[in-house]
Amino acid sequence: MKQILLSTAAILGLTTGAFAQDLPQATSDWFKAGQATIEERLALQPNTNKAKNVILFTADGNGVGTNYAIRLFSGQEAGGLGDDYIQPQETFPNVALVKTYSSNGQTPDSAPTAMAMNTGVKGKNGMINVLDSVAVEDCAAGLEAGVTTFAEMVTEMGKSVGVISTARITHATPAAVYSRTVSRDWEDNTGIPEGCAQKDIASQLIDQMKAGVIDIAMGGGRAHFLPTEVTDAEGKPGKRTDGRNLVDEATAAGAQVVFADEDFAALTMGNNAPVLGLFEASHMKYEQDRTGEPSLAEMVEASIKGLEGNENGFYLAVEAGRVDHANHDGNLHRVLVDGKAFADAIAKAMELTNAEETLIIVTADHEHAIAFNGYCGRGSNILGLCMEENEAGIEHNGTPNLGADGKPYTVAGYLNGVGSVLVEQEDKTFSGSRPDLTEEEATDPDYIQQALIPMSSETHSGEDVAVFARGPWSHLFGGVIEQNVIFHVMNHAVTAE
């Protein structure tokens, strides 16, 4: 029976590209593009070189759904319909889905997810690089249960290490590159209980710079490095109550410390002096609002140029931290602008590195409660209203789809958040209805997407994220994997013989 079926397929011309040319659809651009993709996949060969360099890109909160929205936004900004746009990481040959749950949470936060990628094991929500046998904020037990980071491992191999974030450099994702703590909130000394010997995250960063583990660190979070009696150049006071000025300590240790785009541009990179960039008292500005500080792509370029002088190679961890924050705020516009800036940083890293020796991994720590409506015609603005499909053409017909309440709705929204259509009444009950909405209102940069459940801040979700990879041993990514496997691919790539 199998032989008969195969013969029938051959007669019908369905088994080879040559026979396929006889099909009526063979002249379609879609068909030709599909064939070209198969040819590209057939030509792929695994890269089994030992990785000299590893770059781990993490857009915080950029799951499959958020990535989809960024793709449409980027494509529409470029003048297209959006759907067919290809982001830099989407050209990578190896892709997998990643399960993001933490050891104690169906929905994770950024601490255990970053820990998984930097140490190879999952941990509890709220803790960084401490085994999950320990309770959150158990100071004494945490001091005995820390794990070794990938940064520390590659330092022993003679490699340099950099960490970049648009969030505070002491925030969970970047902190997982260099610190161990039973509470991600202990960014400076003020949150640490009396009698606890746990070092705060900012002081651990300075310790790791002094120890030669961290060569470059750039992001926000300046206030966590300064004492309360010190005011920074923007007039903002420090947060530390222990009297320590970690900026002065870094400078005394030989580090170049920079606070704005002008001194950033004047950095002398590649001279083996550590670099500490602290561009805001708290998080860096959203890309939409950025002034006076470098872009993520600029920080990536400077870091690669500074690290590549090490003949043994480097590890660079890059976080687009504010994608997450804009999602929490329900402000999709800033999510997408920061997401495009993240893609630009990836493109810059691709330009500056050789895929034969550099493993680039692009992923997210978790997704958000973002949701997408239907049935939108092609070209519906990802920030705007969901328009009707055009039955006589390709692009939407310009007429908004309506809900059963007779009102238009946006392409994207959130399941919960500050944009909830339910409003608290004087008697503490909630009621409400969706307001009428125009395309102009929906596409305003400050518009807050409609949401269902009222929350002071939109939440993470536990759904899968994607990982895209190119370079040595990137073919080890495939299928559906646990998040801690990302570490194991990186570790194999730098140690393979």
Protein backbone atom coordinates (compact mmCIF):
# COMPACT_ATOMS: atom_id res chain seq x y z
CA MET A 1 0.00 0.00 0.00
CA LYS A 2 2.83 2.43 0.91
CA GLN A 3 4.51 1.81 -2.47
CA ILE A 4 1.26 2.46 -4.32
CA LEU A 5 0.75 5.74 -2.47
CA LEU A 6 4.29 6.88 -3.26
CA SER A 7 3.84 6.00 -6.92
CA THR A 8 0.56 7.88 -7.05
CA ALA A 9 2.23 10.93 -5.53
CA ALA A 10 4.95 10.78 -8.14
CA ILE A 11 2.42 10.55 -10.97
CA LEU A 12 0.61 13.60 -9.60
CA GLY A 13 3.89 15.51 -9.52
CA LEU A 14 3.91 16.18 -5.79
CA THR A 15 7.21 14.71 -4.65
CA THR A 16 9.93 16.96 -6.04
CA GLY A 17 10.53 20.61 -6.77
CA ALA A 18 10.70 19.80 -10.48
CA PHE A 19 7.26 18.20 -10.54
CA ALA A 20 5.93 20.98 -8.35
CA GLN A 21 6.64 23.49 -11.12
CA ASP A 22 3.73 21.96 -13.04
CA LEU A 23 1.25 22.87 -10.34
CA PRO A 24 -1.12 25.77 -11.10
CA GLN A 25 0.12 27.59 -7.98
CA ALA A 26 3.76 27.36 -9.05
CA THR A 27 3.78 30.90 -10.44
CA SER A 28 2.60 32.38 -7.13
CA ASP A 29 5.14 34.45 -5.23
CA TRP A 30 4.05 32.65 -2.06
CA PHE A 31 4.86 29.30 -3.64
CA LYS A 32 8.25 30.47 -4.89
CA ALA A 33 9.13 31.93 -1.51
CA GLY A 34 8.21 28.64 0.15
CA GLN A 35 10.47 26.73 -2.20
CA ALA A 36 13.32 29.18 -1.55
CA THR A 37 12.93 28.64 2.19
CA ILE A 38 13.26 24.88 1.74
CA GLU A 39 16.42 25.35 -0.31
CA GLU A 40 17.88 27.55 2.41
CA ARG A 41 17.04 24.98 5.08
CA LEU A 42 18.56 22.16 3.03
CA ALA A 43 21.82 24.10 2.76
CA LEU A 44 22.19 24.59 6.52
CA GLN A 45 25.11 22.86 8.21
CA PRO A 46 25.67 22.67 11.99
CA ASN A 47 28.41 24.94 13.30
CA THR A 48 30.45 22.85 15.75
CA ASN A 49 33.24 25.35 16.35
CA LYS A 50 34.10 26.20 19.93
CA ALA A 51 32.42 29.55 20.65
CA LYS A 52 34.93 32.28 21.33
CA ASN A 53 32.17 34.72 22.24
CA VAL A 54 28.62 34.44 23.56
CA ILE A 55 26.03 37.22 23.46
CA LEU A 56 22.76 36.63 25.30
CA PHE A 57 20.01 39.10 24.35
CA THR A 58 16.96 39.20 26.61
CA ALA A 59 14.05 41.51 26.00
CA ASP A 60 12.28 41.46 29.35
CA GLY A 61 8.65 40.47 28.89
CA ASN A 62 9.01 39.87 25.15
CA GLY A 63 7.18 36.58 24.67
CA VAL A 64 5.81 35.24 21.42
CA GLY A 65 2.85 37.64 21.49
CA THR A 66 4.86 40.75 22.28
CA ASN A 67 7.41 39.74 19.64
CA TYR A 68 4.58 39.46 17.13
CA ALA A 69 3.42 42.97 17.98
CA ILE A 70 6.95 44.36 17.60
CA ARG A 71 7.24 42.67 14.20
CA LEU A 72 4.05 44.33 12.96
CA PHE A 73 5.07 47.69 14.40
CA SER A 74 8.53 47.56 12.81
CA GLY A 75 7.13 46.52 9.45
CA GLN A 76 4.44 49.17 9.47
CA GLU A 77 6.96 51.84 10.49
CA ALA A 78 8.98 50.75 7.45
CA GLY A 79 5.96 51.33 5.21
CA GLY A 80 4.68 47.78 4.86
CA LEU A 81 1.68 45.86 6.14
CA GLY A 82 3.76 44.49 9.00
CA ASP A 83 3.01 40.77 8.98
CA ASP A 84 5.72 39.85 6.49
CA TYR A 85 8.43 41.96 8.13
CA ILE A 86 11.45 40.00 9.33
CA GLN A 87 13.23 41.08 12.50
CA PRO A 88 16.99 40.48 12.73
CA GLN A 89 16.68 37.55 15.14
CA GLU A 90 14.02 35.99 12.92
CA THR A 91 16.71 35.34 10.31
CA PHE A 92 18.52 33.03 12.72
CA PRO A 93 18.40 29.38 11.63
CA ASN A 94 17.66 27.80 15.00
CA VAL A 95 14.56 28.42 17.07
CA ALA A 96 12.87 26.77 20.05
CA LEU A 97 10.02 27.43 22.44
CA VAL A 98 11.03 27.96 26.05
CA LYS A 99 9.03 27.05 29.17
CA THR A 100 9.45 29.88 31.66
CA TYR A 101 7.87 28.69 34.92
CA SER A 102 10.02 29.03 38.05
CA SER A 103 10.50 26.30 40.63
CA ASN A 104 7.67 27.69 42.75
CA GLY A 105 5.68 29.77 40.27
CA GLN A 106 3.51 28.88 37.30
CA THR A 107 4.08 32.51 36.36
CA PRO A 108 7.68 33.64 36.87
CA ASP A 109 9.33 36.92 37.61
CA SER A 110 12.62 38.01 36.10
CA ALA A 111 14.83 36.79 38.95
CA PRO A 112 14.51 33.00 38.53
CA THR A 113 14.21 33.20 34.76
CA ALA A 114 17.48 35.11 34.48
CA MET A 115 18.99 32.72 37.03
CA ALA A 116 18.00 29.76 34.86
CA MET A 117 19.79 31.24 31.85
CA ASN A 118 22.92 32.18 33.81
CA THR A 119 23.36 29.12 36.02
CA GLY A 120 21.58 26.15 34.46
CA VAL A 121 19.03 25.62 37.24
CA LYS A 122 15.58 27.00 37.96
CA GLY A 123 14.97 28.95 41.15
CA LYS A 124 12.21 30.55 43.17
CA ASN A 125 10.45 33.78 42.31
CA GLY A 126 12.16 36.69 44.02
CA MET A 127 15.59 35.10 44.47
CA ILE A 128 18.68 35.34 42.28
CA ASN A 129 21.27 32.57 41.92
CA VAL A 130 20.33 30.83 45.17
CA LEU A 131 19.19 27.20 45.19
CA ASP A 132 15.45 26.66 45.62
CA SER A 133 15.96 24.68 48.83
CA VAL A 134 16.11 28.11 50.52
CA ALA A 135 13.11 30.24 51.45
CA VAL A 136 12.84 33.72 49.97
CA GLU A 137 14.61 36.30 52.20
CA ASP A 138 16.19 33.58 54.39
CA CYS A 139 19.47 35.41 54.73
CA ALA A 140 21.49 32.83 56.66
CA ALA A 141 20.49 29.89 54.48
CA GLY A 142 21.01 31.92 51.33
CA LEU A 143 24.62 32.65 52.19
CA GLU A 144 25.31 28.91 52.03
CA ALA A 145 23.27 28.08 48.93
CA GLY A 146 24.60 30.34 46.19
CA VAL A 147 25.44 28.94 42.76
CA THR A 148 28.20 29.76 40.28
CA THR A 149 27.32 31.97 37.34
CA PHE A 150 28.24 31.60 33.68
CA ALA A 151 30.10 34.90 33.96
CA GLU A 152 32.31 33.48 36.70
CA MET A 153 32.89 30.30 34.70
CA VAL A 154 34.03 32.09 31.56
CA THR A 155 36.18 34.47 33.59
CA GLU A 156 38.11 31.39 34.75
CA MET A 157 38.59 30.61 31.05
CA GLY A 158 40.17 34.04 30.56
CA LYS A 159 37.18 35.66 28.86
CA SER A 160 35.89 39.17 29.49
CA VAL A 161 32.31 39.84 30.64
CA GLY A 162 29.89 42.67 30.00
CA VAL A 163 26.33 43.31 31.16
CA ILE A 164 23.98 45.96 29.74
CA SER A 165 20.42 46.90 30.60
CA THR A 166 18.00 49.73 29.93
CA ALA A 167 16.61 49.00 33.40
CA ARG A 168 18.58 49.54 36.58
CA ILE A 169 21.80 47.56 36.33
CA THR A 170 20.86 46.18 39.76
CA HIS A 171 17.48 44.96 38.49
CA ALA A 172 16.78 41.23 38.42
CA THR A 173 17.84 40.30 34.89
CA PRO A 174 21.23 42.02 34.81
CA ALA A 175 21.85 41.20 38.48
CA ALA A 176 21.69 37.49 37.65
CA VAL A 177 24.90 37.89 35.64
CA TYR A 178 26.97 38.78 38.70
CA SER A 179 25.11 38.50 42.04
CA ARG A 180 23.53 36.09 44.50
CA THR A 181 20.69 37.16 46.78
CA VAL A 182 17.65 35.79 48.57
CA SER A 183 15.74 38.94 47.61
CA ARG A 184 15.87 40.68 44.25
CA ASP A 185 14.68 43.84 46.03
CA TRP A 186 17.94 44.25 47.97
CA GLU A 187 19.44 46.50 45.33
CA ASP A 188 21.14 48.64 47.97
CA ASN A 189 21.69 48.23 51.70
CA THR A 190 18.39 49.75 52.82
CA GLY A 191 16.30 46.63 52.34
CA ILE A 192 18.61 44.19 54.08
CA PRO A 193 17.42 43.15 57.58
CA GLU A 194 19.55 43.99 60.56
CA GLY A 195 22.05 41.24 61.29
CA CYS A 196 21.92 39.84 57.76
CA ALA A 197 25.34 39.40 56.19
CA GLN A 198 23.97 39.31 52.66
CA LYS A 199 25.61 41.96 50.47
CA ASP A 200 23.30 44.17 48.45
CA ILE A 201 23.28 43.83 44.67
CA ALA A 202 25.01 47.14 43.88
CA SER A 203 27.92 46.36 46.19
CA GLN A 204 28.21 42.89 44.66
CA LEU A 205 28.60 44.46 41.23
CA ILE A 206 31.49 46.59 42.46
CA ASP A 207 33.03 43.52 44.14
CA GLN A 208 32.78 41.59 40.87
CA MET A 209 34.40 44.47 38.96
CA LYS A 210 37.25 44.55 41.48
CA ALA A 211 37.59 40.76 41.17
CA GLY A 212 37.88 40.97 37.39
CA VAL A 213 34.62 39.13 36.69
CA ILE A 214 32.70 42.11 35.28
CA ASP A 215 34.56 44.31 32.80
CA ILE A 216 31.68 46.42 31.49
CA ALA A 217 28.37 47.26 33.18
CA MET A 218 25.95 49.83 31.77
CA GLY A 219 22.40 50.76 32.61
CA GLY A 220 20.40 52.79 35.10
CA GLY A 221 20.29 52.56 38.89
CA ARG A 222 22.74 55.30 39.88
CA ALA A 223 20.92 56.00 43.16
CA HIS A 224 21.73 52.53 44.50
CA PHE A 225 25.45 53.30 44.23
CA LEU A 226 25.36 56.66 46.05
CA PRO A 227 24.77 57.57 49.71
CA THR A 228 21.75 59.66 50.65
CA GLU A 229 23.92 62.69 51.37
CA VAL A 230 25.23 62.77 47.78
CA THR A 231 23.23 64.36 44.96
CA ASP A 232 23.99 63.27 41.40
CA ALA A 233 24.43 65.52 38.36
CA GLU A 234 20.66 65.51 37.76
CA GLY A 235 19.95 66.68 41.31
CA LYS A 236 18.72 63.29 42.54
CA PRO A 237 19.93 61.94 45.90
CA GLY A 238 21.43 58.53 46.47
CA LYS A 239 19.63 55.79 48.38
CA ARG A 240 22.40 54.18 50.42
CA THR A 241 22.30 54.67 54.20
CA ASP A 242 25.60 52.95 54.94
CA GLY A 243 27.67 55.93 53.83
CA ARG A 244 29.32 54.03 51.00
CA ASN A 245 29.86 55.80 47.70
CA LEU A 246 30.22 52.91 45.26
CA VAL A 247 30.89 55.28 42.37
CA ASP A 248 33.98 56.54 44.17
CA GLU A 249 34.98 52.97 44.99
CA ALA A 250 34.71 51.96 41.33
CA THR A 251 36.77 54.98 40.27
CA ALA A 252 39.41 54.22 42.89
CA ALA A 253 39.58 50.67 41.53
CA GLY A 254 40.49 52.03 38.10
CA ALA A 255 37.06 51.97 36.46
CA GLN A 256 35.85 54.57 33.98
CA VAL A 257 32.49 55.78 35.31
CA VAL A 258 30.11 57.65 33.00
CA PHE A 259 26.69 59.22 33.55
CA ALA A 260 25.45 60.62 30.22
CA ASP A 261 25.79 60.35 26.47
CA GLU A 262 28.62 62.86 26.23
CA ASP A 263 31.03 61.11 28.60
CA PHE A 264 29.85 57.78 27.19
CA ALA A 265 30.97 58.94 23.74
CA ALA A 266 34.36 59.86 25.21
CA LEU A 267 35.00 56.43 26.72
CA THR A 268 38.31 54.79 25.98
CA MET A 269 37.35 51.19 25.25
CA GLY A 270 39.60 48.18 24.99
CA ASN A 271 42.27 49.35 27.44
CA ASN A 272 41.39 46.70 30.07
CA ALA A 273 39.96 49.32 32.44
CA PRO A 274 36.50 48.40 33.76
CA VAL A 275 33.60 50.55 32.59
CA LEU A 276 30.60 51.47 34.73
CA GLY A 277 27.81 53.41 33.02
CA LEU A 278 25.01 54.69 35.25
CA PHE A 279 22.77 56.81 33.05
CA GLU A 280 19.78 57.38 35.33
CA ALA A 281 19.03 57.40 39.05
CA SER A 282 16.53 54.61 38.39
CA HIS A 283 15.67 52.97 35.05
CA MET A 284 16.92 54.47 31.81
CA LYS A 285 14.39 56.39 29.74
CA TYR A 286 12.07 54.67 27.33
CA GLU A 287 13.41 54.88 23.79
CA GLN A 288 10.38 57.03 22.91
CA ASP A 289 11.56 59.61 25.44
CA ARG A 290 15.33 59.13 25.30
CA THR A 291 17.53 62.22 25.68
CA GLY A 292 21.01 62.57 27.11
CA GLU A 293 21.82 58.87 27.26
CA PRO A 294 22.97 56.22 24.78
CA SER A 295 20.65 53.85 22.97
CA LEU A 296 20.79 50.12 23.57
CA ALA A 297 22.44 49.63 20.17
CA GLU A 298 25.09 52.23 21.04
CA MET A 299 25.84 50.48 24.33
CA VAL A 300 26.08 47.13 22.54
CA GLU A 301 28.45 48.53 19.94
CA ALA A 302 30.71 50.14 22.55
CA SER A 303 30.71 46.98 24.66
CA ILE A 304 31.60 44.65 21.80
CA LYS A 305 34.40 46.94 20.72
CA GLY A 306 35.63 47.08 24.29
CA LEU A 307 35.45 43.34 24.90
CA GLU A 308 36.66 41.99 21.58
CA GLY A 309 40.26 42.92 22.34
CA ASN A 310 40.47 39.90 24.63
CA GLU A 311 41.94 37.12 22.49
CA ASN A 312 40.14 34.58 24.68
CA GLY A 313 36.74 36.06 23.85
CA PHE A 314 33.85 37.42 25.89
CA TYR A 315 30.37 36.93 27.30
CA LEU A 316 27.96 39.85 26.89
CA ALA A 317 24.48 39.84 28.46
CA VAL A 318 22.10 42.45 27.05
CA GLU A 319 18.66 43.30 28.43
CA ALA A 320 15.96 45.49 26.93
CA GLY A 321 14.41 45.95 30.33
CA ARG A 322 11.81 48.58 29.59
CA VAL A 323 9.77 46.41 27.20
CA ASP A 324 8.57 44.80 30.42
CA HIS A 325 7.81 48.07 32.17
CA ALA A 326 5.71 49.46 29.34
CA ASN A 327 3.75 46.21 29.26
CA HIS A 328 3.12 46.57 33.00
CA ASP A 329 1.88 50.10 32.32
CA GLY A 330 -0.45 48.94 29.54
CA ASN A 331 1.27 51.37 27.17
CA LEU A 332 1.78 49.32 24.01
CA HIS A 333 3.37 52.17 22.05
CA ARG A 334 6.41 52.28 24.33
CA VAL A 335 6.59 48.49 24.40
CA LEU A 336 6.97 48.46 20.65
CA VAL A 337 9.37 51.39 20.34
CA ASP A 338 11.67 49.76 22.90
CA GLY A 339 11.19 46.43 21.13
CA LYS A 340 12.37 47.95 17.86
CA ALA A 341 15.39 49.42 19.68
CA PHE A 342 16.12 45.91 20.96
CA ALA A 343 16.05 44.58 17.40
CA ASP A 344 18.39 47.39 16.31
CA ALA A 345 20.85 46.32 19.02
CA ILE A 346 20.71 42.73 17.75
CA ALA A 347 21.39 43.94 14.22
CA LYS A 348 24.41 45.88 15.48
CA ALA A 349 25.79 42.78 17.21
CA MET A 350 25.30 40.74 14.04
CA GLU A 351 27.18 43.37 12.07
CA LEU A 352 30.11 43.46 14.49
CA THR A 353 30.60 39.72 15.07
CA ASN A 354 31.43 36.62 13.04
CA ALA A 355 28.84 33.86 13.17
CA GLU A 356 31.61 31.28 12.87
CA GLU A 357 32.95 32.16 16.32
CA THR A 358 30.17 34.05 18.14
CA LEU A 359 27.05 32.41 19.52
CA ILE A 360 24.20 34.93 19.61
CA ILE A 361 21.08 33.96 21.53
CA VAL A 362 17.93 36.11 21.52
CA THR A 363 15.13 35.34 23.94
CA ALA A 364 12.87 36.70 26.69
CA ASP A 365 12.50 35.86 30.35
CA HIS A 366 8.70 35.70 30.28
CA GLU A 367 5.60 36.97 28.51
CA HIS A 368 2.84 39.36 29.62
CA ALA A 369 -0.94 39.21 29.67
CA ILE A 370 -1.13 40.80 26.23
CA ALA A 371 -3.90 39.59 23.93
CA PHE A 372 -4.84 40.06 20.28
CA ASN A 373 -8.27 40.56 18.80
CA GLY A 374 -9.65 39.43 15.45
CA TYR A 375 -10.57 39.45 12.68
CA CYS A 376 -8.31 42.27 11.54
CA GLY A 377 -7.58 42.96 7.89
CA ARG A 378 -3.94 43.16 6.88
CA GLY A 379 -2.28 46.48 7.60
CA SER A 380 -4.44 47.25 10.62
CA ASN A 381 -2.20 49.42 12.75
CA ILE A 382 -0.90 47.24 15.59
CA LEU A 383 -1.45 50.23 17.88
CA GLY A 384 -4.83 51.12 16.43
CA LEU A 385 -8.27 49.76 15.63
CA CYS A 386 -8.93 46.33 14.20
CA MET A 387 -10.15 47.05 10.68
CA GLU A 388 -12.32 44.83 8.50
CA GLU A 389 -10.72 42.53 5.94
CA ASN A 390 -10.90 43.69 2.34
CA GLU A 391 -12.66 40.95 0.37
CA ALA A 392 -11.71 42.58 -2.95
CA GLY A 393 -8.06 43.26 -2.13
CA ILE A 394 -5.19 42.78 0.32
CA GLU A 395 -5.09 45.74 2.71
CA HIS A 396 -7.98 46.35 5.13
CA ASN A 397 -10.93 48.39 3.93
CA GLY A 398 -10.66 51.14 6.54
CA THR A 399 -13.83 50.25 8.41
CA PRO A 400 -13.40 49.26 12.06
CA ASN A 401 -14.73 45.93 13.27
CA LEU A 402 -17.32 46.35 16.02
CA GLY A 403 -17.98 44.38 19.16
CA ALA A 404 -21.46 43.26 20.18
CA ASP A 405 -21.69 46.57 22.05
CA GLY A 406 -21.44 48.41 18.75
CA LYS A 407 -18.05 49.91 19.54
CA PRO A 408 -14.70 49.45 17.76
CA TYR A 409 -11.83 47.64 19.42
CA THR A 410 -8.06 47.70 19.11
CA VAL A 411 -5.87 45.03 17.54
CA ALA A 412 -4.17 44.44 20.90
CA GLY A 413 -5.16 44.76 24.52
CA TYR A 414 -4.41 43.25 27.91
CA LEU A 415 -6.24 40.74 30.06
CA ASN A 416 -5.55 42.89 33.12
CA GLY A 417 -4.03 46.22 34.04
CA VAL A 418 -4.59 49.90 34.64
CA GLY A 419 -6.60 50.22 31.43
CA SER A 420 -9.42 48.05 32.76
CA VAL A 421 -12.88 48.94 31.52
CA LEU A 422 -14.15 48.10 35.02
CA VAL A 423 -14.02 51.12 37.31
CA GLU A 424 -14.24 51.06 41.09
CA GLN A 425 -17.38 52.76 42.43
CA GLU A 426 -17.88 54.55 45.74
CA ASP A 427 -19.32 51.38 47.30
CA LYS A 428 -16.11 49.48 46.33
CA THR A 429 -17.88 47.50 43.60
CA PHE A 430 -16.71 47.57 40.00
CA SER A 431 -18.74 48.33 36.91
CA GLY A 432 -18.24 49.93 33.57
CA SER A 433 -18.37 49.63 29.82
CA ARG A 434 -15.96 50.13 26.98
CA PRO A 435 -15.63 53.72 25.82
CA ASP A 436 -15.93 54.70 22.18
CA LEU A 437 -12.50 54.91 20.61
CA THR A 438 -11.07 56.51 17.50
CA GLU A 439 -7.97 55.56 15.52
CA GLU A 440 -6.36 58.84 16.51
CA GLU A 441 -6.91 58.15 20.22
CA ALA A 442 -5.70 54.56 19.99
CA THR A 443 -2.46 55.44 18.19
CA ASP A 444 -1.46 58.24 20.57
CA PRO A 445 1.91 57.31 22.17
CA ASP A 446 0.43 57.76 25.65
CA TYR A 447 -2.68 55.65 25.06
CA ILE A 448 -3.28 52.91 27.63
CA GLN A 449 -4.72 49.77 26.04
CA GLN A 450 -8.10 48.54 27.18
CA ALA A 451 -7.91 45.71 29.70
CA LEU A 452 -10.37 43.44 31.44
CA ILE A 453 -9.39 42.78 35.06
CA PRO A 454 -8.59 45.92 37.08
CA MET A 455 -5.02 45.85 38.40
CA SER A 456 -2.61 48.57 39.49
CA SER A 457 -0.01 46.99 37.20
CA GLU A 458 -0.48 44.49 34.39
CA THR A 459 0.97 41.07 35.19
CA HIS A 460 3.40 38.65 33.64
CA SER A 461 2.02 35.46 32.14
CA GLY A 462 3.45 31.97 32.24
CA GLU A 463 3.24 31.13 28.55
CA ASP A 464 6.20 30.11 26.44
CA VAL A 465 8.72 32.49 24.93
CA ALA A 466 10.90 31.90 21.88
CA VAL A 467 14.66 31.56 21.62
CA PHE A 468 16.45 32.40 18.36
CA ALA A 469 20.11 31.48 17.87
CA ARG A 470 22.95 31.57 15.40
CA GLY A 471 26.60 30.61 15.65
CA PRO A 472 28.51 27.72 17.24
CA TRP A 473 26.25 24.96 18.57
CA SER A 474 23.11 27.02 18.03
CA HIS A 475 21.60 23.93 16.40
CA LEU A 476 21.21 22.48 19.91
CA PHE A 477 18.15 24.71 20.23
CA GLY A 478 15.00 22.99 18.97
CA GLY A 479 11.62 21.76 20.09
CA VAL A 480 10.24 22.87 23.44
CA ILE A 481 12.87 23.28 26.14
CA GLU A 482 13.18 24.27 29.77
CA GLN A 483 14.60 27.75 30.26
CA ASN A 484 17.70 26.51 32.09
CA VAL A 485 18.75 24.63 28.93
CA ILE A 486 19.86 27.99 27.50
CA PHE A 487 22.75 27.99 29.98
CA HIS A 488 23.71 24.45 29.00
CA VAL A 489 23.91 25.36 25.31
CA MET A 490 26.13 28.34 26.16
CA ASN A 491 28.32 26.22 28.41
CA HIS A 492 28.67 23.48 25.79
CA ALA A 493 29.49 26.02 23.09
CA VAL A 494 32.42 27.53 25.02
CA THR A 495 33.83 24.20 26.21
CA ALA A 496 33.33 21.99 23.14
CA GLU A 497 36.45 20.30 21.78
